[in-house]
């Protein structure tokens, strides 16, 4: 009988331990749920606005055909990025830029420095974007070779990368972004810098990544 009581006591003790473990698990799950719900509410209340970009200045330093189907170019650009959010910071973790002429990319991508933007802050990048002996379509080569000194060409400074939002101590996962700044730049066979003729405001797209 004493052995039976001991077994019963052990069984009851095991049941109490299981109940305690279940309570602890539920408390942890409820706590994590409340934390995630709080973050979600803060995020929705402070729904971040995408950054804005402006091509403040640009000039053609060099632009010429260097061989059959090849082009060499150098474009100096001044890009201003602004964080329009009052309470949300932005981490730019990876940023690269290149130049397209007549909708064809004519330079390799140039990496820009990683940057953190405080709320309502602006930052400036001034890359020299160069491409040497880059393959180009015949219509691009012809446009450069046949352009008179006073002609202007349709250029696009393009920026792509990854960003994260920061609210207090919480930081979001990565979002992809793409920016395109169009401008007309005078051409004169690559003989020195030329005046900047802006076209349209920069277009900015931001999307969540899996």
C-alpha atoms as a PDB file:
ATOM      1  CA  UNK A   1       0.000   0.000   0.000  1.00  0.00           C
ATOM      2  CA  UNK A   2       2.850   2.368   0.763  1.00  0.00           C
ATOM      3  CA  UNK A   3       4.347   1.520  -2.641  1.00  0.00           C
ATOM      4  CA  UNK A   4       1.010   2.297  -4.301  1.00  0.00           C
ATOM      5  CA  UNK A   5       0.862   5.639  -2.507  1.00  0.00           C
ATOM      6  CA  UNK A   6       4.387   6.463  -3.596  1.00  0.00           C
ATOM      7  CA  UNK A   7       3.487   5.755  -7.227  1.00  0.00           C
ATOM      8  CA  UNK A   8       0.371   7.901  -6.927  1.00  0.00           C
ATOM      9  CA  UNK A   9       2.389  10.739  -5.395  1.00  0.00           C
ATOM     10  CA  UNK A  10       4.951  10.512  -8.216  1.00  0.00           C
ATOM     11  CA  UNK A  11       2.216  10.524 -10.835  1.00  0.00           C
ATOM     12  CA  UNK A  12       0.585  13.560  -9.241  1.00  0.00           C
ATOM     13  CA  UNK A  13       3.937  15.315  -9.014  1.00  0.00           C
ATOM     14  CA  UNK A  14       4.606  14.661 -12.713  1.00  0.00           C
ATOM     15  CA  UNK A  15       1.181  16.056 -13.632  1.00  0.00           C
ATOM     16  CA  UNK A  16       1.889  19.220 -11.641  1.00  0.00           C
ATOM     17  CA  UNK A  17       5.254  19.654 -13.406  1.00  0.00           C
ATOM     18  CA  UNK A  18       3.572  19.267 -16.810  1.00  0.00           C
ATOM     19  CA  UNK A  19       0.938  21.848 -15.868  1.00  0.00           C
ATOM     20  CA  UNK A  20       3.674  24.215 -14.706  1.00  0.00           C
ATOM     21  CA  UNK A  21       5.586  23.796 -17.976  1.00  0.00           C
ATOM     22  CA  UNK A  22       2.403  24.441 -19.954  1.00  0.00           C
ATOM     23  CA  UNK A  23       1.717  27.621 -17.971  1.00  0.00           C
ATOM     24  CA  UNK A  24       5.289  28.841 -18.562  1.00  0.00           C
ATOM     25  CA  UNK A  25       5.017  28.128 -22.305  1.00  0.00           C
ATOM     26  CA  UNK A  26       1.677  29.954 -22.518  1.00  0.00           C
ATOM     27  CA  UNK A  27       3.061  32.952 -20.599  1.00  0.00           C
ATOM     28  CA  UNK A  28       6.059  33.128 -22.960  1.00  0.00           C
ATOM     29  CA  UNK A  29       3.850  32.811 -26.042  1.00  0.00           C
ATOM     30  CA  UNK A  30       1.431  35.482 -24.794  1.00  0.00           C
ATOM     31  CA  UNK A  31       4.349  37.804 -23.987  1.00  0.00           C
ATOM     32  CA  UNK A  32       5.891  37.324 -27.433  1.00  0.00           C
ATOM     33  CA  UNK A  33       2.493  37.856 -29.048  1.00  0.00           C
ATOM     34  CA  UNK A  34       2.015  41.119 -27.167  1.00  0.00           C
ATOM     35  CA  UNK A  35       5.498  42.303 -28.173  1.00  0.00           C
ATOM     36  CA  UNK A  36       4.857  41.506 -31.848  1.00  0.00           C
ATOM     37  CA  UNK A  37       1.420  43.129 -31.684  1.00  0.00           C
ATOM     38  CA  UNK A  38       2.934  46.265 -30.148  1.00  0.00           C
ATOM     39  CA  UNK A  39       5.583  46.434 -32.886  1.00  0.00           C
ATOM     40  CA  UNK A  40       2.913  45.931 -35.552  1.00  0.00           C
ATOM     41  CA  UNK A  41       0.723  48.689 -34.092  1.00  0.00           C
ATOM     42  CA  UNK A  42       3.688  51.089 -33.891  1.00  0.00           C
ATOM     43  CA  UNK A  43       4.659  50.232 -37.473  1.00  0.00           C
ATOM     44  CA  UNK A  44       1.119  50.779 -38.753  1.00  0.00           C
ATOM     45  CA  UNK A  45       0.679  54.026 -36.817  1.00  0.00           C
ATOM     46  CA  UNK A  46       4.047  55.303 -37.998  1.00  0.00           C
ATOM     47  CA  UNK A  47       3.694  53.735 -41.465  1.00  0.00           C
ATOM     48  CA  UNK A  48       6.972  54.791 -43.091  1.00  0.00           C
ATOM     49  CA  UNK A  49       7.023  56.980 -46.174  1.00  0.00           C
ATOM     50  CA  UNK A  50       9.567  56.001 -48.803  1.00  0.00           C
ATOM     51  CA  UNK A  51      12.663  58.212 -49.086  1.00  0.00           C
ATOM     52  CA  UNK A  52      12.792  60.869 -51.783  1.00  0.00           C
ATOM     53  CA  UNK A  53      15.723  61.354 -54.161  1.00  0.00           C
ATOM     54  CA  UNK A  54      16.806  64.358 -56.200  1.00  0.00           C
ATOM     55  CA  UNK A  55      19.473  64.529 -58.890  1.00  0.00           C
ATOM     56  CA  UNK A  56      20.798  67.903 -57.789  1.00  0.00           C
ATOM     57  CA  UNK A  57      23.496  68.154 -60.435  1.00  0.00           C
ATOM     58  CA  UNK A  58      25.099  66.096 -63.207  1.00  0.00           C
ATOM     59  CA  UNK A  59      27.654  66.661 -65.926  1.00  0.00           C
ATOM     60  CA  UNK A  60      29.199  64.698 -68.755  1.00  0.00           C
ATOM     61  CA  UNK A  61      32.940  64.570 -68.109  1.00  0.00           C
ATOM     62  CA  UNK A  62      33.655  62.166 -70.979  1.00  0.00           C
ATOM     63  CA  UNK A  63      31.490  60.582 -73.655  1.00  0.00           C
ATOM     64  CA  UNK A  64      32.883  58.975 -76.814  1.00  0.00           C
ATOM     65  CA  UNK A  65      32.857  55.893 -78.981  1.00  0.00           C
ATOM     66  CA  UNK A  66      36.169  54.062 -78.502  1.00  0.00           C
ATOM     67  CA  UNK A  67      35.840  51.210 -80.954  1.00  0.00           C
ATOM     68  CA  UNK A  68      33.362  49.092 -82.883  1.00  0.00           C
ATOM     69  CA  UNK A  69      30.343  48.765 -80.596  1.00  0.00           C
ATOM     70  CA  UNK A  70      32.189  50.249 -77.585  1.00  0.00           C
ATOM     71  CA  UNK A  71      31.665  53.420 -75.556  1.00  0.00           C
ATOM     72  CA  UNK A  72      33.683  55.148 -72.825  1.00  0.00           C
ATOM     73  CA  UNK A  73      31.940  57.612 -70.535  1.00  0.00           C
ATOM     74  CA  UNK A  74      32.217  59.409 -67.217  1.00  0.00           C
ATOM     75  CA  UNK A  75      29.353  61.234 -65.526  1.00  0.00           C
ATOM     76  CA  UNK A  76      29.700  63.272 -62.349  1.00  0.00           C
ATOM     77  CA  UNK A  77      26.468  63.235 -60.340  1.00  0.00           C
ATOM     78  CA  UNK A  78      25.216  64.827 -57.125  1.00  0.00           C
ATOM     79  CA  UNK A  79      22.405  62.815 -55.549  1.00  0.00           C
ATOM     80  CA  UNK A  80      20.431  64.010 -52.521  1.00  0.00           C
ATOM     81  CA  UNK A  81      18.387  61.495 -50.501  1.00  0.00           C
ATOM     82  CA  UNK A  82      15.854  62.714 -47.937  1.00  0.00           C
ATOM     83  CA  UNK A  83      14.105  60.783 -45.159  1.00  0.00           C
ATOM     84  CA  UNK A  84      10.623  62.368 -44.918  1.00  0.00           C
ATOM     85  CA  UNK A  85       9.616  60.461 -41.767  1.00  0.00           C
ATOM     86  CA  UNK A  86       9.448  62.328 -38.461  1.00  0.00           C
ATOM     87  CA  UNK A  87      10.005  59.316 -36.185  1.00  0.00           C
ATOM     88  CA  UNK A  88      11.540  56.626 -38.361  1.00  0.00           C
ATOM     89  CA  UNK A  89      15.209  56.266 -39.289  1.00  0.00           C
ATOM     90  CA  UNK A  90      16.516  54.544 -42.423  1.00  0.00           C
ATOM     91  CA  UNK A  91      19.539  52.256 -42.795  1.00  0.00           C
ATOM     92  CA  UNK A  92      20.901  52.051 -46.358  1.00  0.00           C
ATOM     93  CA  UNK A  93      22.800  48.757 -46.205  1.00  0.00           C
ATOM     94  CA  UNK A  94      23.700  48.349 -49.850  1.00  0.00           C
ATOM     95  CA  UNK A  95      23.571  51.057 -52.509  1.00  0.00           C
ATOM     96  CA  UNK A  96      24.860  51.035 -56.061  1.00  0.00           C
ATOM     97  CA  UNK A  97      24.411  53.411 -58.965  1.00  0.00           C
ATOM     98  CA  UNK A  98      24.929  53.340 -62.727  1.00  0.00           C
ATOM     99  CA  UNK A  99      24.113  55.479 -65.745  1.00  0.00           C
ATOM    100  CA  UNK A 100      21.948  54.692 -68.755  1.00  0.00           C
ATOM    101  CA  UNK A 101      21.963  56.618 -72.032  1.00  0.00           C
ATOM    102  CA  UNK A 102      18.982  56.267 -74.380  1.00  0.00           C
ATOM    103  CA  UNK A 103      17.672  53.558 -72.002  1.00  0.00           C
ATOM    104  CA  UNK A 104      20.835  51.449 -72.276  1.00  0.00           C
ATOM    105  CA  UNK A 105      23.239  51.019 -69.350  1.00  0.00           C
ATOM    106  CA  UNK A 106      26.617  52.499 -70.297  1.00  0.00           C
ATOM    107  CA  UNK A 107      28.563  52.139 -67.021  1.00  0.00           C
ATOM    108  CA  UNK A 108      29.142  49.372 -64.501  1.00  0.00           C
ATOM    109  CA  UNK A 109      27.507  49.871 -61.116  1.00  0.00           C
ATOM    110  CA  UNK A 110      29.426  51.966 -58.576  1.00  0.00           C
ATOM    111  CA  UNK A 111      28.995  51.203 -54.865  1.00  0.00           C
ATOM    112  CA  UNK A 112      27.925  54.069 -52.599  1.00  0.00           C
ATOM    113  CA  UNK A 113      28.806  54.126 -48.873  1.00  0.00           C
ATOM    114  CA  UNK A 114      26.437  52.573 -46.348  1.00  0.00           C
ATOM    115  CA  UNK A 115      24.442  55.322 -44.661  1.00  0.00           C
ATOM    116  CA  UNK A 116      22.056  55.865 -41.749  1.00  0.00           C
ATOM    117  CA  UNK A 117      19.506  58.644 -42.022  1.00  0.00           C
ATOM    118  CA  UNK A 118      17.927  60.068 -38.883  1.00  0.00           C
ATOM    119  CA  UNK A 119      14.282  61.176 -39.119  1.00  0.00           C
ATOM    120  CA  UNK A 120      13.810  64.172 -41.434  1.00  0.00           C
ATOM    121  CA  UNK A 121      17.475  64.131 -42.470  1.00  0.00           C
ATOM    122  CA  UNK A 122      19.121  64.412 -45.896  1.00  0.00           C
ATOM    123  CA  UNK A 123      22.399  62.989 -47.178  1.00  0.00           C
ATOM    124  CA  UNK A 124      24.406  63.702 -50.319  1.00  0.00           C
ATOM    125  CA  UNK A 125      26.362  61.361 -52.581  1.00  0.00           C
ATOM    126  CA  UNK A 126      28.672  62.701 -55.315  1.00  0.00           C
ATOM    127  CA  UNK A 127      29.860  59.679 -57.323  1.00  0.00           C
ATOM    128  CA  UNK A 128      31.907  59.816 -60.501  1.00  0.00           C
ATOM    129  CA  UNK A 129      30.264  57.061 -62.534  1.00  0.00           C
ATOM    130  CA  UNK A 130      32.608  55.728 -65.229  1.00  0.00           C
ATOM    131  CA  UNK A 131      32.577  53.068 -67.882  1.00  0.00           C
ATOM    132  CA  UNK A 132      35.487  52.124 -70.151  1.00  0.00           C
ATOM    133  CA  UNK A 133      34.967  50.243 -73.432  1.00  0.00           C
ATOM    134  CA  UNK A 134      31.447  49.204 -72.493  1.00  0.00           C
ATOM    135  CA  UNK A 135      29.518  47.340 -75.242  1.00  0.00           C
ATOM    136  CA  UNK A 136      26.724  49.485 -76.675  1.00  0.00           C
ATOM    137  CA  UNK A 137      23.999  49.117 -79.265  1.00  0.00           C
ATOM    138  CA  UNK A 138      24.602  50.608 -82.730  1.00  0.00           C
ATOM    139  CA  UNK A 139      21.965  53.313 -82.199  1.00  0.00           C
ATOM    140  CA  UNK A 140      23.810  54.489 -79.066  1.00  0.00           C
ATOM    141  CA  UNK A 141      27.148  54.669 -80.896  1.00  0.00           C
ATOM    142  CA  UNK A 142      25.529  56.495 -83.824  1.00  0.00           C
ATOM    143  CA  UNK A 143      23.873  59.005 -81.498  1.00  0.00           C
ATOM    144  CA  UNK A 144      27.233  59.918 -79.948  1.00  0.00           C
ATOM    145  CA  UNK A 145      29.153  60.069 -83.214  1.00  0.00           C
ATOM    146  CA  UNK A 146      26.540  62.093 -85.099  1.00  0.00           C
ATOM    147  CA  UNK A 147      25.537  64.499 -82.312  1.00  0.00           C
ATOM    148  CA  UNK A 148      26.433  68.162 -82.965  1.00  0.00           C
ATOM    149  CA  UNK A 149      28.157  70.118 -80.221  1.00  0.00           C
ATOM    150  CA  UNK A 150      24.939  71.721 -78.988  1.00  0.00           C
ATOM    151  CA  UNK A 151      22.907  68.460 -78.821  1.00  0.00           C
ATOM    152  CA  UNK A 152      21.585  67.007 -75.569  1.00  0.00           C
ATOM    153  CA  UNK A 153      21.086  63.337 -74.740  1.00  0.00           C
ATOM    154  CA  UNK A 154      18.626  61.479 -72.546  1.00  0.00           C
ATOM    155  CA  UNK A 155      20.434  60.088 -69.489  1.00  0.00           C
ATOM    156  CA  UNK A 156      19.212  58.224 -66.415  1.00  0.00           C
ATOM    157  CA  UNK A 157      21.103  57.964 -63.138  1.00  0.00           C
ATOM    158  CA  UNK A 158      19.825  54.786 -61.513  1.00  0.00           C
ATOM    159  CA  UNK A 159      20.202  53.737 -57.884  1.00  0.00           C
ATOM    160  CA  UNK A 160      19.336  50.366 -56.363  1.00  0.00           C
ATOM    161  CA  UNK A 161      19.900  48.704 -53.020  1.00  0.00           C
ATOM    162  CA  UNK A 162      18.520  47.538 -49.698  1.00  0.00           C
ATOM    163  CA  UNK A 163      17.213  49.556 -46.760  1.00  0.00           C
ATOM    164  CA  UNK A 164      15.799  48.954 -43.283  1.00  0.00           C
ATOM    165  CA  UNK A 165      13.432  51.068 -41.196  1.00  0.00           C
ATOM    166  CA  UNK A 166      14.246  51.825 -37.544  1.00  0.00           C
ATOM    167  CA  UNK A 167      11.669  52.717 -34.885  1.00  0.00           C
ATOM    168  CA  UNK A 168      13.309  53.172 -31.486  1.00  0.00           C
ATOM    169  CA  UNK A 169      15.366  50.031 -30.831  1.00  0.00           C
ATOM    170  CA  UNK A 170      13.396  47.971 -33.365  1.00  0.00           C
ATOM    171  CA  UNK A 171      14.784  47.511 -36.886  1.00  0.00           C
ATOM    172  CA  UNK A 172      12.804  46.019 -39.764  1.00  0.00           C
ATOM    173  CA  UNK A 173      13.921  43.348 -42.194  1.00  0.00           C
ATOM    174  CA  UNK A 174      15.383  44.401 -45.548  1.00  0.00           C
ATOM    175  CA  UNK A 175      13.367  46.240 -48.179  1.00  0.00           C
ATOM    176  CA  UNK A 176      14.517  46.605 -51.755  1.00  0.00           C
ATOM    177  CA  UNK A 177      14.476  50.000 -53.442  1.00  0.00           C
ATOM    178  CA  UNK A 178      15.052  51.376 -56.924  1.00  0.00           C
ATOM    179  CA  UNK A 179      15.454  55.005 -57.995  1.00  0.00           C
ATOM    180  CA  UNK A 180      15.606  56.472 -61.487  1.00  0.00           C
ATOM    181  CA  UNK A 181      16.567  60.103 -62.109  1.00  0.00           C
ATOM    182  CA  UNK A 182      16.162  61.276 -65.708  1.00  0.00           C
ATOM    183  CA  UNK A 183      17.990  64.278 -67.148  1.00  0.00           C
ATOM    184  CA  UNK A 184      19.071  65.775 -70.465  1.00  0.00           C
ATOM    185  CA  UNK A 185      22.822  66.373 -70.585  1.00  0.00           C
ATOM    186  CA  UNK A 186      24.492  68.315 -73.430  1.00  0.00           C
ATOM    187  CA  UNK A 187      26.918  66.324 -75.553  1.00  0.00           C
ATOM    188  CA  UNK A 188      30.028  67.623 -77.322  1.00  0.00           C
ATOM    189  CA  UNK A 189      32.254  64.633 -78.014  1.00  0.00           C
ATOM    190  CA  UNK A 190      33.532  64.287 -74.446  1.00  0.00           C
ATOM    191  CA  UNK A 191      35.329  67.659 -74.325  1.00  0.00           C
ATOM    192  CA  UNK A 192      34.878  68.648 -70.691  1.00  0.00           C
ATOM    193  CA  UNK A 193      31.875  69.068 -68.359  1.00  0.00           C
ATOM    194  CA  UNK A 194      28.570  70.525 -69.551  1.00  0.00           C
ATOM    195  CA  UNK A 195      25.573  72.191 -67.982  1.00  0.00           C
ATOM    196  CA  UNK A 196      22.890  70.174 -66.208  1.00  0.00           C
ATOM    197  CA  UNK A 197      19.387  70.161 -67.705  1.00  0.00           C
ATOM    198  CA  UNK A 198      16.965  68.407 -65.319  1.00  0.00           C
ATOM    199  CA  UNK A 199      14.096  66.442 -66.803  1.00  0.00           C
ATOM    200  CA  UNK A 200      11.720  64.924 -64.242  1.00  0.00           C
ATOM    201  CA  UNK A 201      11.739  64.247 -60.474  1.00  0.00           C
ATOM    202  CA  UNK A 202      13.357  60.958 -59.495  1.00  0.00           C
ATOM    203  CA  UNK A 203      11.036  57.965 -59.388  1.00  0.00           C
ATOM    204  CA  UNK A 204      11.403  55.831 -56.245  1.00  0.00           C
ATOM    205  CA  UNK A 205      10.047  52.321 -55.654  1.00  0.00           C
ATOM    206  CA  UNK A 206      10.324  50.418 -52.340  1.00  0.00           C
ATOM    207  CA  UNK A 207       9.198  46.821 -51.767  1.00  0.00           C
ATOM    208  CA  UNK A 208       9.422  44.184 -49.051  1.00  0.00           C
ATOM    209  CA  UNK A 209      11.765  41.254 -49.578  1.00  0.00           C
ATOM    210  CA  UNK A 210      11.116  37.622 -48.520  1.00  0.00           C
END
